[in-house]
N, C-alpha and C. Protein backbone atom coordinates (compact mmCIF):
# COMPACT_ATOMS: atom_id res chain seq x y z
N MET A 1 51.70 -157.70 58.14
CA MET A 1 51.50 -157.38 59.52
C MET A 1 52.79 -156.91 60.13
N ALA A 2 52.65 -155.97 60.96
CA ALA A 2 53.82 -155.42 61.64
C ALA A 2 54.10 -156.24 62.87
N THR A 3 55.26 -156.02 63.43
CA THR A 3 55.67 -156.79 64.59
C THR A 3 54.83 -156.44 65.79
N GLY A 4 54.20 -155.85 66.16
CA GLY A 4 53.45 -155.66 67.40
C GLY A 4 51.97 -155.89 67.21
N ASP A 5 51.60 -156.18 65.96
CA ASP A 5 50.18 -156.37 65.69
C ASP A 5 49.73 -157.74 66.18
N LYS A 6 48.59 -157.75 66.74
CA LYS A 6 48.01 -159.02 67.19
C LYS A 6 46.86 -159.36 66.26
N VAL A 7 46.69 -160.61 66.09
CA VAL A 7 45.53 -161.05 65.32
C VAL A 7 44.39 -161.14 66.32
N VAL A 8 43.35 -160.45 66.02
CA VAL A 8 42.23 -160.38 66.94
C VAL A 8 41.49 -161.70 66.93
N GLY A 9 41.28 -162.25 68.11
CA GLY A 9 40.45 -163.42 68.24
C GLY A 9 41.19 -164.73 68.37
N ASP A 10 42.51 -164.77 68.11
CA ASP A 10 43.19 -166.06 68.18
C ASP A 10 43.26 -166.59 69.61
N GLU A 11 43.80 -165.82 70.51
CA GLU A 11 44.00 -166.29 71.87
C GLU A 11 42.68 -166.45 72.64
N PRO A 12 41.82 -165.48 72.65
CA PRO A 12 40.57 -165.66 73.40
C PRO A 12 39.74 -166.84 72.89
N GLU A 13 39.78 -167.07 71.57
CA GLU A 13 39.02 -168.18 71.03
C GLU A 13 39.58 -169.51 71.51
N ALA A 14 40.88 -169.63 71.57
CA ALA A 14 41.51 -170.85 72.06
C ALA A 14 41.20 -171.06 73.53
N GLN A 15 41.20 -169.98 74.30
CA GLN A 15 40.87 -170.10 75.72
C GLN A 15 39.40 -170.50 75.90
N ASP A 16 38.52 -169.96 75.07
CA ASP A 16 37.11 -170.31 75.15
C ASP A 16 36.90 -171.79 74.85
N GLN A 17 37.61 -172.31 73.87
CA GLN A 17 37.46 -173.73 73.53
C GLN A 17 37.94 -174.62 74.67
N ARG A 18 39.06 -174.24 75.27
CA ARG A 18 39.55 -175.03 76.41
C ARG A 18 38.59 -174.95 77.57
N GLY A 19 38.02 -173.78 77.81
CA GLY A 19 37.05 -173.62 78.88
C GLY A 19 35.79 -174.43 78.62
N GLU A 20 35.33 -174.41 77.36
CA GLU A 20 34.15 -175.19 77.00
C GLU A 20 34.43 -176.68 77.14
N ASP A 21 35.62 -177.11 76.71
CA ASP A 21 35.97 -178.52 76.84
C ASP A 21 35.97 -178.95 78.30
N ALA A 22 36.52 -178.14 79.16
CA ALA A 22 36.57 -178.47 80.59
C ALA A 22 35.16 -178.52 81.17
N ARG A 23 34.31 -177.60 80.75
CA ARG A 23 32.93 -177.59 81.25
C ARG A 23 32.17 -178.80 80.75
N LEU A 24 32.38 -179.15 79.48
CA LEU A 24 31.71 -180.32 78.92
C LEU A 24 32.17 -181.61 79.61
N GLU A 25 33.46 -181.70 79.87
CA GLU A 25 33.98 -182.89 80.57
C GLU A 25 33.42 -182.97 81.99
N ALA A 26 33.34 -181.84 82.66
CA ALA A 26 32.77 -181.84 84.01
C ALA A 26 31.29 -182.22 83.97
N LEU A 27 30.59 -181.76 82.97
CA LEU A 27 29.18 -182.11 82.82
C LEU A 27 29.02 -183.60 82.54
N ASP A 28 29.88 -184.14 81.67
CA ASP A 28 29.85 -185.58 81.38
C ASP A 28 30.09 -186.40 82.65
N GLU A 29 31.04 -185.97 83.46
CA GLU A 29 31.32 -186.68 84.72
C GLU A 29 30.11 -186.65 85.66
N ARG A 30 29.49 -185.50 85.76
CA ARG A 30 28.31 -185.38 86.63
C ARG A 30 27.17 -186.26 86.13
N ILE A 31 26.97 -186.29 84.81
CA ILE A 31 25.91 -187.13 84.24
C ILE A 31 26.20 -188.60 84.49
N LYS A 32 27.45 -189.01 84.31
CA LYS A 32 27.83 -190.41 84.56
C LYS A 32 27.57 -190.79 86.01
N SER A 33 27.98 -189.93 86.94
CA SER A 33 27.80 -190.26 88.35
C SER A 33 26.32 -190.32 88.72
N LEU A 34 25.52 -189.41 88.14
CA LEU A 34 24.08 -189.44 88.41
C LEU A 34 23.43 -190.69 87.83
N ARG A 35 23.86 -191.10 86.65
CA ARG A 35 23.31 -192.33 86.06
C ARG A 35 23.68 -193.55 86.89
N GLU A 36 24.91 -193.61 87.38
CA GLU A 36 25.32 -194.73 88.23
C GLU A 36 24.51 -194.77 89.51
N ARG A 37 24.30 -193.61 90.13
CA ARG A 37 23.48 -193.55 91.35
C ARG A 37 22.05 -193.99 91.08
N GLU A 38 21.50 -193.57 89.95
CA GLU A 38 20.13 -193.95 89.59
C GLU A 38 20.01 -195.45 89.34
N GLU A 39 21.01 -196.04 88.69
CA GLU A 39 21.00 -197.48 88.46
C GLU A 39 21.08 -198.24 89.77
N GLN A 40 21.89 -197.76 90.70
CA GLN A 40 21.98 -198.40 92.01
C GLN A 40 20.67 -198.27 92.76
N ARG A 41 20.01 -197.14 92.62
CA ARG A 41 18.74 -196.93 93.31
C ARG A 41 17.65 -197.84 92.74
N LYS A 42 17.67 -198.03 91.42
CA LYS A 42 16.67 -198.85 90.77
C LYS A 42 16.96 -200.34 90.88
N ALA A 43 18.16 -200.71 91.22
CA ALA A 43 18.54 -202.12 91.28
C ALA A 43 17.64 -202.85 92.27
N PRO A 44 17.20 -204.06 91.90
CA PRO A 44 16.34 -204.81 92.82
C PRO A 44 17.09 -205.14 94.10
N ASP A 45 16.40 -204.94 95.19
CA ASP A 45 17.00 -205.20 96.49
C ASP A 45 16.72 -206.65 96.87
N ALA A 46 17.70 -207.49 96.68
CA ALA A 46 17.53 -208.91 96.97
C ALA A 46 18.12 -209.22 98.34
N GLY A 47 18.00 -208.30 99.25
CA GLY A 47 18.59 -208.47 100.56
C GLY A 47 17.61 -209.02 101.57
N ALA A 48 17.86 -208.73 102.80
CA ALA A 48 17.09 -209.28 103.90
C ALA A 48 15.66 -208.76 103.90
N GLN A 49 15.44 -207.54 103.46
CA GLN A 49 14.08 -206.97 103.49
C GLN A 49 13.14 -207.74 102.56
N SER A 50 13.59 -208.07 101.35
CA SER A 50 12.71 -208.80 100.43
C SER A 50 12.47 -210.22 100.93
N ASP A 51 13.47 -210.84 101.56
CA ASP A 51 13.28 -212.17 102.13
C ASP A 51 12.27 -212.13 103.27
N GLU A 52 12.33 -211.10 104.08
CA GLU A 52 11.40 -210.96 105.19
C GLU A 52 9.97 -210.78 104.68
N ASN A 53 9.80 -209.99 103.64
CA ASN A 53 8.47 -209.79 103.06
C ASN A 53 7.93 -211.09 102.46
N TYR A 54 8.79 -211.86 101.84
CA TYR A 54 8.39 -213.14 101.27
C TYR A 54 7.93 -214.09 102.37
N ARG A 55 8.68 -214.14 103.46
CA ARG A 55 8.30 -215.00 104.59
C ARG A 55 6.98 -214.55 105.21
N LEU A 56 6.79 -213.25 105.32
CA LEU A 56 5.55 -212.72 105.88
C LEU A 56 4.35 -213.08 105.01
N GLY A 57 4.50 -212.98 103.71
CA GLY A 57 3.43 -213.35 102.79
C GLY A 57 3.09 -214.82 102.89
N ASN A 58 4.12 -215.66 102.99
CA ASN A 58 3.87 -217.09 103.15
C ASN A 58 3.17 -217.40 104.47
N ARG A 59 3.53 -216.68 105.51
CA ARG A 59 2.89 -216.91 106.81
C ARG A 59 1.42 -216.52 106.77
N VAL A 60 1.10 -215.40 106.13
CA VAL A 60 -0.30 -214.98 106.01
C VAL A 60 -1.10 -216.01 105.22
N LEU A 61 -0.54 -216.50 104.12
CA LEU A 61 -1.22 -217.51 103.32
C LEU A 61 -1.42 -218.80 104.12
N THR A 62 -0.43 -219.20 104.87
CA THR A 62 -0.54 -220.40 105.70
C THR A 62 -1.61 -220.24 106.76
N GLU A 63 -1.66 -219.09 107.39
CA GLU A 63 -2.69 -218.84 108.41
C GLU A 63 -4.09 -218.95 107.81
N LEU A 64 -4.27 -218.39 106.63
CA LEU A 64 -5.59 -218.41 106.00
C LEU A 64 -6.00 -219.83 105.62
N ILE A 65 -5.11 -220.55 104.97
CA ILE A 65 -5.42 -221.92 104.55
C ILE A 65 -5.62 -222.82 105.76
N ALA A 66 -4.76 -222.70 106.75
CA ALA A 66 -4.86 -223.55 107.93
C ALA A 66 -6.13 -223.26 108.72
N GLY A 67 -6.51 -222.00 108.83
CA GLY A 67 -7.72 -221.66 109.57
C GLY A 67 -8.96 -222.23 108.92
N ILE A 68 -9.08 -222.05 107.63
CA ILE A 68 -10.26 -222.54 106.92
C ILE A 68 -10.23 -224.06 106.82
N GLY A 69 -9.08 -224.60 106.42
CA GLY A 69 -8.96 -226.06 106.28
C GLY A 69 -9.09 -226.79 107.60
N GLY A 70 -8.44 -226.27 108.64
CA GLY A 70 -8.53 -226.90 109.96
C GLY A 70 -9.94 -226.85 110.51
N GLY A 71 -10.60 -225.71 110.34
CA GLY A 71 -11.99 -225.60 110.78
C GLY A 71 -12.90 -226.56 110.04
N ALA A 72 -12.68 -226.69 108.72
CA ALA A 72 -13.50 -227.62 107.94
C ALA A 72 -13.26 -229.06 108.38
N PHE A 73 -12.00 -229.41 108.62
CA PHE A 73 -11.70 -230.79 109.04
C PHE A 73 -12.32 -231.10 110.40
N PHE A 74 -12.10 -230.22 111.38
CA PHE A 74 -12.65 -230.49 112.72
C PHE A 74 -14.18 -230.45 112.70
N GLY A 75 -14.76 -229.59 111.89
CA GLY A 75 -16.21 -229.57 111.76
C GLY A 75 -16.74 -230.85 111.15
N TRP A 76 -16.04 -231.38 110.15
CA TRP A 76 -16.43 -232.65 109.54
C TRP A 76 -16.34 -233.79 110.55
N VAL A 77 -15.27 -233.79 111.36
CA VAL A 77 -15.11 -234.83 112.39
C VAL A 77 -16.25 -234.74 113.40
N ILE A 78 -16.58 -233.54 113.85
CA ILE A 78 -17.68 -233.37 114.80
C ILE A 78 -18.99 -233.85 114.18
N ASP A 79 -19.23 -233.49 112.91
CA ASP A 79 -20.44 -233.94 112.24
C ASP A 79 -20.49 -235.46 112.12
N ARG A 80 -19.38 -236.04 111.85
CA ARG A 80 -19.31 -237.49 111.64
C ARG A 80 -19.67 -238.24 112.91
N PHE A 81 -19.09 -237.79 114.05
CA PHE A 81 -19.32 -238.51 115.30
C PHE A 81 -20.57 -238.06 116.05
N ALA A 82 -20.97 -236.84 115.90
CA ALA A 82 -22.14 -236.34 116.63
C ALA A 82 -23.42 -236.42 115.80
N GLY A 83 -23.29 -236.62 114.50
CA GLY A 83 -24.46 -236.73 113.63
C GLY A 83 -25.18 -235.40 113.43
N THR A 84 -24.46 -234.31 113.46
CA THR A 84 -25.07 -232.98 113.31
C THR A 84 -24.83 -232.40 111.92
N LYS A 85 -24.84 -233.29 110.93
CA LYS A 85 -24.52 -232.88 109.57
C LYS A 85 -25.25 -231.63 109.17
N PRO A 86 -24.86 -230.72 108.55
CA PRO A 86 -23.76 -229.87 108.17
C PRO A 86 -23.43 -228.80 109.18
N TRP A 87 -24.13 -228.77 110.31
CA TRP A 87 -23.97 -227.64 111.23
C TRP A 87 -22.60 -227.60 111.91
N GLY A 88 -22.08 -228.71 112.29
CA GLY A 88 -20.75 -228.72 112.91
C GLY A 88 -19.69 -228.21 111.95
N LEU A 89 -19.78 -228.69 110.70
CA LEU A 89 -18.84 -228.25 109.67
C LEU A 89 -18.93 -226.74 109.45
N LEU A 90 -20.14 -226.22 109.30
CA LEU A 90 -20.31 -224.79 109.02
C LEU A 90 -19.86 -223.92 110.19
N VAL A 91 -20.24 -224.31 111.41
CA VAL A 91 -19.91 -223.48 112.58
C VAL A 91 -18.41 -223.49 112.84
N VAL A 92 -17.80 -224.67 112.84
CA VAL A 92 -16.37 -224.74 113.15
C VAL A 92 -15.53 -224.14 112.02
N MET A 93 -15.98 -224.30 110.77
CA MET A 93 -15.25 -223.68 109.67
C MET A 93 -15.35 -222.15 109.76
N ALA A 94 -16.50 -221.63 110.15
CA ALA A 94 -16.65 -220.18 110.34
C ALA A 94 -15.74 -219.70 111.46
N LEU A 95 -15.67 -220.47 112.56
CA LEU A 95 -14.76 -220.10 113.65
C LEU A 95 -13.30 -220.13 113.19
N GLY A 96 -12.94 -221.14 112.40
CA GLY A 96 -11.58 -221.22 111.86
C GLY A 96 -11.25 -220.03 110.97
N THR A 97 -12.21 -219.60 110.17
CA THR A 97 -12.01 -218.44 109.30
C THR A 97 -11.83 -217.17 110.12
N ILE A 98 -12.65 -217.02 111.16
CA ILE A 98 -12.53 -215.84 112.02
C ILE A 98 -11.18 -215.80 112.71
N VAL A 99 -10.75 -216.95 113.23
CA VAL A 99 -9.44 -217.02 113.89
C VAL A 99 -8.32 -216.73 112.89
N ALA A 100 -8.44 -217.23 111.67
CA ALA A 100 -7.41 -216.99 110.64
C ALA A 100 -7.29 -215.49 110.35
N PHE A 101 -8.43 -214.82 110.17
CA PHE A 101 -8.38 -213.38 109.89
C PHE A 101 -7.88 -212.59 111.10
N ARG A 102 -8.22 -213.04 112.29
CA ARG A 102 -7.69 -212.36 113.48
C ARG A 102 -6.17 -212.47 113.52
N ASN A 103 -5.65 -213.66 113.21
CA ASN A 103 -4.19 -213.85 113.18
C ASN A 103 -3.54 -213.01 112.08
N ILE A 104 -4.18 -212.93 110.93
CA ILE A 104 -3.62 -212.13 109.82
C ILE A 104 -3.58 -210.66 110.20
N ILE A 105 -4.63 -210.17 110.83
CA ILE A 105 -4.66 -208.77 111.25
C ILE A 105 -3.58 -208.52 112.31
N ARG A 106 -3.42 -209.47 113.21
CA ARG A 106 -2.39 -209.33 114.25
C ARG A 106 -0.99 -209.32 113.62
N ILE A 107 -0.76 -210.16 112.62
CA ILE A 107 0.54 -210.20 111.94
C ILE A 107 0.79 -208.88 111.20
N SER A 108 -0.23 -208.36 110.52
CA SER A 108 -0.02 -207.17 109.69
C SER A 108 0.11 -205.90 110.51
N THR A 109 -0.42 -205.87 111.73
CA THR A 109 -0.31 -204.67 112.55
C THR A 109 0.87 -204.71 113.51
N ARG A 110 1.62 -205.79 113.50
CA ARG A 110 2.78 -205.90 114.37
C ARG A 110 3.86 -204.93 113.91
N ARG A 111 4.47 -204.26 114.87
CA ARG A 111 5.54 -203.30 114.54
C ARG A 111 6.82 -204.04 114.22
N PRO A 112 7.58 -203.54 113.25
CA PRO A 112 8.86 -204.18 112.93
C PRO A 112 9.83 -204.05 114.10
N ASP A 113 10.66 -205.06 114.20
CA ASP A 113 11.64 -205.06 115.32
C ASP A 113 12.72 -204.05 115.12
């Protein structure tokens, strides 16, 4: 080779490899950041919102049990003292159930603060 001759392909190939390496590293960084964001998004939210939902569910269950149970108890007491066996129990338990469902509907349609 003479002194002014260049070997074709040496320099551009080296530049292409450096360019590819930089692009691959940038792509790896973007993928890592997207994976981290996705993991944070998927992470269970154990904050105030889940606690509030848990309390709301317990309140609905309590309303239902108390309405039916309270109605049955007061109906039984009325039947016991008035001698109207089974009608007092059935009527007051039905009223307790209606009141329980009315309260549940009122709780579920309430707007968040």
